[in-house]
Amino acid sequence: MVKYSKYLLVVSLLLIANSASAQCAMCRAVLESEESGVPAAAINDGIVYLMAFPYLLLIVVGWAVYRIYKKKKAIA
Protein backbone atom coordinates (compact mmCIF):
# COMPACT_ATOMS: atom_id res chain seq x y z
CA MET A 1 0.00 0.00 0.00
CA VAL A 2 2.79 2.42 0.91
CA LYS A 3 4.57 1.62 -2.36
CA TYR A 4 1.52 2.57 -4.42
CA SER A 5 0.92 5.77 -2.46
CA LYS A 6 4.47 6.95 -3.23
CA TYR A 7 3.91 6.39 -6.95
CA LEU A 8 0.54 8.12 -6.76
CA LEU A 9 2.14 11.10 -5.04
CA VAL A 10 4.86 11.38 -7.70
CA VAL A 11 2.38 11.14 -10.56
CA SER A 12 0.04 13.70 -9.01
CA LEU A 13 2.91 16.14 -8.41
CA LEU A 14 4.02 15.77 -12.02
CA LEU A 15 0.52 16.47 -13.27
CA ILE A 16 0.15 19.51 -11.02
CA ALA A 17 3.51 20.91 -12.13
CA ASN A 18 2.50 20.56 -15.77
CA SER A 19 -0.60 22.70 -15.32
CA ALA A 20 1.17 25.25 -13.09
CA SER A 21 3.74 26.28 -15.69
CA ALA A 22 1.53 28.99 -17.21
CA GLN A 23 2.28 32.67 -16.86
CA CYS A 24 -0.14 35.34 -15.70
CA ALA A 25 -2.57 36.86 -18.19
CA MET A 26 -0.96 40.32 -18.09
CA CYS A 27 2.53 39.00 -18.80
CA ARG A 28 1.25 36.86 -21.62
CA ALA A 29 -0.64 39.78 -23.20
CA VAL A 30 2.42 42.05 -23.06
CA LEU A 31 4.75 39.43 -24.49
CA GLU A 32 2.38 38.54 -27.33
CA SER A 33 1.61 42.13 -28.31
CA GLU A 34 5.19 43.40 -28.57
CA GLU A 35 7.16 42.43 -31.66
CA SER A 36 10.47 44.06 -30.72
CA GLY A 37 11.31 41.47 -28.07
CA VAL A 38 12.38 44.07 -25.50
CA PRO A 39 9.66 43.20 -22.94
CA ALA A 40 10.47 39.50 -23.33
CA ALA A 41 14.12 40.20 -22.55
CA ALA A 42 13.10 42.24 -19.51
CA ILE A 43 10.86 39.43 -18.27
CA ASN A 44 13.71 36.93 -18.73
CA ASP A 45 16.13 39.20 -16.84
CA GLY A 46 13.63 39.49 -14.00
CA ILE A 47 13.31 35.72 -13.82
CA VAL A 48 17.09 35.35 -13.61
CA TYR A 49 17.31 37.94 -10.83
CA LEU A 50 14.53 36.29 -8.87
CA MET A 51 16.23 32.92 -9.30
CA ALA A 52 19.73 34.10 -8.34
CA PHE A 53 19.05 35.72 -4.98
CA PRO A 54 17.83 32.62 -3.10
CA TYR A 55 20.94 30.76 -4.25
CA LEU A 56 23.18 33.62 -3.13
CA LEU A 57 21.43 33.60 0.24
CA LEU A 58 22.00 29.86 0.59
CA ILE A 59 25.69 30.29 -0.26
CA VAL A 60 26.13 33.01 2.37
CA VAL A 61 24.31 31.01 5.05
CA GLY A 62 26.28 27.87 4.17
CA TRP A 63 29.56 29.78 4.33
CA ALA A 64 28.62 31.20 7.77
CA VAL A 65 27.69 27.75 9.09
CA TYR A 66 30.96 26.35 7.73
CA ARG A 67 32.99 29.06 9.49
CA ILE A 68 31.18 28.45 12.79
CA TYR A 69 31.71 24.69 12.47
CA LYS A 70 35.36 25.17 11.60
CA LYS A 71 35.89 27.55 14.54
CA LYS A 72 34.25 25.11 17.00
CA LYS A 73 36.37 22.25 15.68
CA ALA A 74 39.59 24.29 16.11
CA ILE A 75 38.71 25.14 19.73
CA ALA A 76 37.86 21.55 20.71
C-alpha atoms as a PDB file:
ATOM      1  CA  MET A   1       0.000   0.000   0.000  1.00  0.00           C
ATOM      2  CA  VAL A   2       2.790   2.420   0.906  1.00  0.00           C
ATOM      3  CA  LYS A   3       4.571   1.620  -2.357  1.00  0.00           C
ATOM      4  CA  TYR A   4       1.520   2.565  -4.416  1.00  0.00           C
ATOM      5  CA  SER A   5       0.921   5.770  -2.458  1.00  0.00           C
ATOM      6  CA  LYS A   6       4.470   6.952  -3.225  1.00  0.00           C
ATOM      7  CA  TYR A   7       3.905   6.386  -6.950  1.00  0.00           C
ATOM      8  CA  LEU A   8       0.543   8.117  -6.763  1.00  0.00           C
ATOM      9  CA  LEU A   9       2.143  11.099  -5.040  1.00  0.00           C
ATOM     10  CA  VAL A  10       4.863  11.385  -7.703  1.00  0.00           C
ATOM     11  CA  VAL A  11       2.376  11.136 -10.561  1.00  0.00           C
ATOM     12  CA  SER A  12       0.042  13.702  -9.009  1.00  0.00           C
ATOM     13  CA  LEU A  13       2.915  16.143  -8.414  1.00  0.00           C
ATOM     14  CA  LEU A  14       4.021  15.772 -12.022  1.00  0.00           C
ATOM     15  CA  LEU A  15       0.521  16.474 -13.271  1.00  0.00           C
ATOM     16  CA  ILE A  16       0.145  19.511 -11.017  1.00  0.00           C
ATOM     17  CA  ALA A  17       3.511  20.905 -12.126  1.00  0.00           C
ATOM     18  CA  ASN A  18       2.501  20.559 -15.775  1.00  0.00           C
ATOM     19  CA  SER A  19      -0.600  22.702 -15.324  1.00  0.00           C
ATOM     20  CA  ALA A  20       1.166  25.251 -13.088  1.00  0.00           C
ATOM     21  CA  SER A  21       3.739  26.277 -15.687  1.00  0.00           C
ATOM     22  CA  ALA A  22       1.532  28.987 -17.212  1.00  0.00           C
ATOM     23  CA  GLN A  23       2.282  32.673 -16.861  1.00  0.00           C
ATOM     24  CA  CYS A  24      -0.138  35.338 -15.703  1.00  0.00           C
ATOM     25  CA  ALA A  25      -2.570  36.860 -18.186  1.00  0.00           C
ATOM     26  CA  MET A  26      -0.964  40.321 -18.095  1.00  0.00           C
ATOM     27  CA  CYS A  27       2.532  38.998 -18.797  1.00  0.00           C
ATOM     28  CA  ARG A  28       1.249  36.861 -21.622  1.00  0.00           C
ATOM     29  CA  ALA A  29      -0.638  39.779 -23.200  1.00  0.00           C
ATOM     30  CA  VAL A  30       2.420  42.046 -23.056  1.00  0.00           C
ATOM     31  CA  LEU A  31       4.745  39.429 -24.486  1.00  0.00           C
ATOM     32  CA  GLU A  32       2.379  38.537 -27.332  1.00  0.00           C
ATOM     33  CA  SER A  33       1.608  42.127 -28.311  1.00  0.00           C
ATOM     34  CA  GLU A  34       5.194  43.401 -28.574  1.00  0.00           C
ATOM     35  CA  GLU A  35       7.161  42.429 -31.665  1.00  0.00           C
ATOM     36  CA  SER A  36      10.468  44.059 -30.718  1.00  0.00           C
ATOM     37  CA  GLY A  37      11.310  41.469 -28.074  1.00  0.00           C
ATOM     38  CA  VAL A  38      12.376  44.072 -25.501  1.00  0.00           C
ATOM     39  CA  PRO A  39       9.659  43.203 -22.942  1.00  0.00           C
ATOM     40  CA  ALA A  40      10.468  39.503 -23.328  1.00  0.00           C
ATOM     41  CA  ALA A  41      14.121  40.199 -22.555  1.00  0.00           C
ATOM     42  CA  ALA A  42      13.097  42.237 -19.513  1.00  0.00           C
ATOM     43  CA  ILE A  43      10.863  39.426 -18.268  1.00  0.00           C
ATOM     44  CA  ASN A  44      13.714  36.931 -18.733  1.00  0.00           C
ATOM     45  CA  ASP A  45      16.130  39.202 -16.836  1.00  0.00           C
ATOM     46  CA  GLY A  46      13.628  39.490 -14.001  1.00  0.00           C
ATOM     47  CA  ILE A  47      13.309  35.722 -13.820  1.00  0.00           C
ATOM     48  CA  VAL A  48      17.092  35.354 -13.609  1.00  0.00           C
ATOM     49  CA  TYR A  49      17.311  37.940 -10.828  1.00  0.00           C
ATOM     50  CA  LEU A  50      14.526  36.286  -8.873  1.00  0.00           C
ATOM     51  CA  MET A  51      16.227  32.919  -9.296  1.00  0.00           C
ATOM     52  CA  ALA A  52      19.727  34.100  -8.342  1.00  0.00           C
ATOM     53  CA  PHE A  53      19.055  35.725  -4.980  1.00  0.00           C
ATOM     54  CA  PRO A  54      17.833  32.619  -3.100  1.00  0.00           C
ATOM     55  CA  TYR A  55      20.941  30.758  -4.250  1.00  0.00           C
ATOM     56  CA  LEU A  56      23.179  33.621  -3.126  1.00  0.00           C
ATOM     57  CA  LEU A  57      21.431  33.605   0.239  1.00  0.00           C
ATOM     58  CA  LEU A  58      22.003  29.860   0.586  1.00  0.00           C
ATOM     59  CA  ILE A  59      25.691  30.291  -0.264  1.00  0.00           C
ATOM     60  CA  VAL A  60      26.129  33.006   2.369  1.00  0.00           C
ATOM     61  CA  VAL A  61      24.312  31.007   5.047  1.00  0.00           C
ATOM     62  CA  GLY A  62      26.282  27.869   4.165  1.00  0.00           C
ATOM     63  CA  TRP A  63      29.556  29.784   4.331  1.00  0.00           C
ATOM     64  CA  ALA A  64      28.616  31.196   7.766  1.00  0.00           C
ATOM     65  CA  VAL A  65      27.692  27.751   9.089  1.00  0.00           C
ATOM     66  CA  TYR A  66      30.955  26.348   7.730  1.00  0.00           C
ATOM     67  CA  ARG A  67      32.991  29.060   9.491  1.00  0.00           C
ATOM     68  CA  ILE A  68      31.177  28.449  12.791  1.00  0.00           C
ATOM     69  CA  TYR A  69      31.708  24.695  12.474  1.00  0.00           C
ATOM     70  CA  LYS A  70      35.363  25.168  11.604  1.00  0.00           C
ATOM     71  CA  LYS A  71      35.891  27.549  14.543  1.00  0.00           C
ATOM     72  CA  LYS A  72      34.249  25.113  16.999  1.00  0.00           C
ATOM     73  CA  LYS A  73      36.371  22.250  15.685  1.00  0.00           C
ATOM     74  CA  ALA A  74      39.587  24.295  16.106  1.00  0.00           C
ATOM     75  CA  ILE A  75      38.708  25.137  19.725  1.00  0.00           C
ATOM     76  CA  ALA A  76      37.864  21.553  20.715  1.00  0.00           C
END
